[in-house]
């Protein structure tokens, strides 16, 4: 159990943090229309 607390758990925490950091940082490279937040009102088509 000590091995889990000293090595595995910190590695998993750092891994989750790095994945979240990459996911958030990747928004910089998206096109401008995709980087904006999703619209909350319903979009209706003109046809």
N, C-alpha and C. Protein backbone atom coordinates (compact mmCIF):
# COMPACT_ATOMS: atom_id res chain seq x y z
N UNK A 1 0.83 -1.20 0.00
CA UNK A 1 0.00 0.00 0.00
C UNK A 1 0.87 1.26 0.00
N UNK A 2 2.06 1.17 0.60
CA UNK A 2 2.94 2.34 0.62
C UNK A 2 3.43 2.68 -0.78
N UNK A 3 3.65 1.65 -1.60
CA UNK A 3 4.09 1.90 -2.98
C UNK A 3 3.01 2.67 -3.73
N UNK A 4 1.75 2.30 -3.52
CA UNK A 4 0.64 3.00 -4.17
C UNK A 4 0.62 4.47 -3.76
N UNK A 5 0.76 4.72 -2.44
CA UNK A 5 0.70 6.09 -1.94
C UNK A 5 1.90 6.93 -2.37
N UNK A 6 3.06 6.31 -2.51
CA UNK A 6 4.27 7.07 -2.82
C UNK A 6 4.51 7.24 -4.31
N UNK A 7 4.08 6.27 -5.12
CA UNK A 7 4.42 6.31 -6.54
C UNK A 7 3.20 6.35 -7.46
N UNK A 8 2.26 5.49 -7.26
CA UNK A 8 1.16 5.35 -8.21
C UNK A 8 0.17 6.50 -8.09
N UNK A 9 -0.27 6.82 -6.91
CA UNK A 9 -1.26 7.90 -6.74
C UNK A 9 -0.72 9.25 -7.21
N UNK A 10 0.49 9.67 -6.83
CA UNK A 10 0.99 10.95 -7.37
C UNK A 10 1.13 10.94 -8.88
N UNK A 11 1.55 9.82 -9.46
CA UNK A 11 1.67 9.72 -10.91
C UNK A 11 0.31 9.88 -11.57
N UNK A 12 -0.73 9.26 -11.02
CA UNK A 12 -2.07 9.39 -11.58
C UNK A 12 -2.58 10.82 -11.46
N UNK A 13 -2.31 11.48 -10.36
CA UNK A 13 -2.74 12.86 -10.17
C UNK A 13 -2.06 13.77 -11.18
N UNK A 14 -0.76 13.61 -11.35
CA UNK A 14 -0.03 14.42 -12.32
C UNK A 14 -0.50 14.12 -13.74
N UNK A 15 -0.78 12.86 -14.04
CA UNK A 15 -1.24 12.48 -15.37
C UNK A 15 -2.60 13.13 -15.67
N UNK A 16 -3.52 13.11 -14.74
CA UNK A 16 -4.83 13.73 -14.94
C UNK A 16 -4.67 15.24 -15.11
N UNK A 17 -3.79 15.85 -14.33
CA UNK A 17 -3.56 17.29 -14.46
C UNK A 17 -2.99 17.62 -15.84
N UNK A 18 -2.04 16.84 -16.32
CA UNK A 18 -1.45 17.12 -17.63
C UNK A 18 -2.45 16.92 -18.76
N UNK A 19 -3.31 15.91 -18.65
CA UNK A 19 -4.33 15.70 -19.68
C UNK A 19 -5.30 16.88 -19.70
N UNK A 20 -5.70 17.35 -18.53
CA UNK A 20 -6.60 18.50 -18.47
C UNK A 20 -5.92 19.75 -19.00
N UNK A 21 -4.64 19.92 -18.71
CA UNK A 21 -3.91 21.08 -19.20
C UNK A 21 -3.81 21.07 -20.72
N UNK A 22 -3.55 19.90 -21.29
CA UNK A 22 -3.46 19.79 -22.76
C UNK A 22 -4.83 20.05 -23.38
N UNK A 23 -5.89 19.55 -22.78
CA UNK A 23 -7.23 19.74 -23.33
C UNK A 23 -7.62 21.21 -23.32
N UNK A 24 -7.30 21.92 -22.25
CA UNK A 24 -7.65 23.33 -22.17
C UNK A 24 -6.74 24.16 -23.08
N UNK A 25 -5.47 23.83 -23.13
CA UNK A 25 -4.53 24.59 -23.94
C UNK A 25 -4.75 24.38 -25.43
N UNK A 26 -5.33 23.27 -25.81
CA UNK A 26 -5.52 23.00 -27.24
C UNK A 26 -6.55 23.94 -27.86
N UNK A 27 -7.34 24.64 -27.05
CA UNK A 27 -8.30 25.60 -27.59
C UNK A 27 -7.61 26.73 -28.32
N UNK A 28 -6.35 26.99 -28.01
CA UNK A 28 -5.61 28.06 -28.69
C UNK A 28 -5.49 27.75 -30.18
N UNK A 29 -5.36 26.49 -30.53
CA UNK A 29 -5.10 26.09 -31.90
C UNK A 29 -6.38 25.82 -32.70
N UNK A 30 -7.53 25.93 -32.06
CA UNK A 30 -8.78 25.72 -32.78
C UNK A 30 -9.13 26.94 -33.61
N UNK A 31 -9.90 26.77 -34.68
CA UNK A 31 -10.39 27.95 -35.40
C UNK A 31 -11.22 28.83 -34.48
N UNK A 32 -11.33 30.10 -34.81
CA UNK A 32 -11.99 31.07 -33.92
C UNK A 32 -13.44 30.68 -33.63
N UNK A 33 -14.15 30.13 -34.63
CA UNK A 33 -15.56 29.80 -34.39
C UNK A 33 -15.73 28.58 -33.50
N UNK A 34 -14.73 27.71 -33.45
CA UNK A 34 -14.83 26.53 -32.59
C UNK A 34 -14.34 26.81 -31.18
N UNK A 35 -13.53 27.84 -30.99
CA UNK A 35 -13.00 28.14 -29.67
C UNK A 35 -14.02 28.87 -28.80
N UNK A 36 -15.07 29.41 -29.40
CA UNK A 36 -16.09 30.12 -28.64
C UNK A 36 -16.96 29.13 -27.86
N UNK A 37 -17.55 29.58 -26.78
CA UNK A 37 -18.47 28.70 -26.04
C UNK A 37 -19.68 28.33 -26.90
N UNK A 38 -20.26 27.22 -26.58
CA UNK A 38 -21.43 26.76 -27.33
C UNK A 38 -22.61 27.70 -27.06
N UNK A 39 -23.43 27.96 -28.08
CA UNK A 39 -24.59 28.84 -27.85
C UNK A 39 -25.61 28.17 -26.94
N UNK A 40 -26.26 28.96 -26.13
CA UNK A 40 -27.25 28.41 -25.20
C UNK A 40 -28.65 28.48 -25.76
N UNK A 41 -28.94 29.44 -26.65
CA UNK A 41 -30.27 29.52 -27.23
C UNK A 41 -30.37 28.58 -28.42
N UNK A 42 -31.57 28.22 -28.76
CA UNK A 42 -31.77 27.28 -29.87
C UNK A 42 -31.58 28.02 -31.19
N UNK A 43 -30.84 27.38 -32.09
CA UNK A 43 -30.58 27.97 -33.40
C UNK A 43 -31.61 27.46 -34.37
N UNK A 44 -32.27 28.36 -35.09
CA UNK A 44 -33.27 27.95 -36.09
C UNK A 44 -32.74 28.23 -37.48
N UNK A 45 -33.04 27.34 -38.41
CA UNK A 45 -32.56 27.54 -39.78
C UNK A 45 -33.53 28.45 -40.53
N UNK A 46 -33.02 29.12 -41.58
CA UNK A 46 -33.81 30.08 -42.33
C UNK A 46 -34.63 29.42 -43.44
N UNK A 47 -34.48 28.14 -43.67
CA UNK A 47 -35.18 27.51 -44.79
C UNK A 47 -36.61 27.13 -44.48
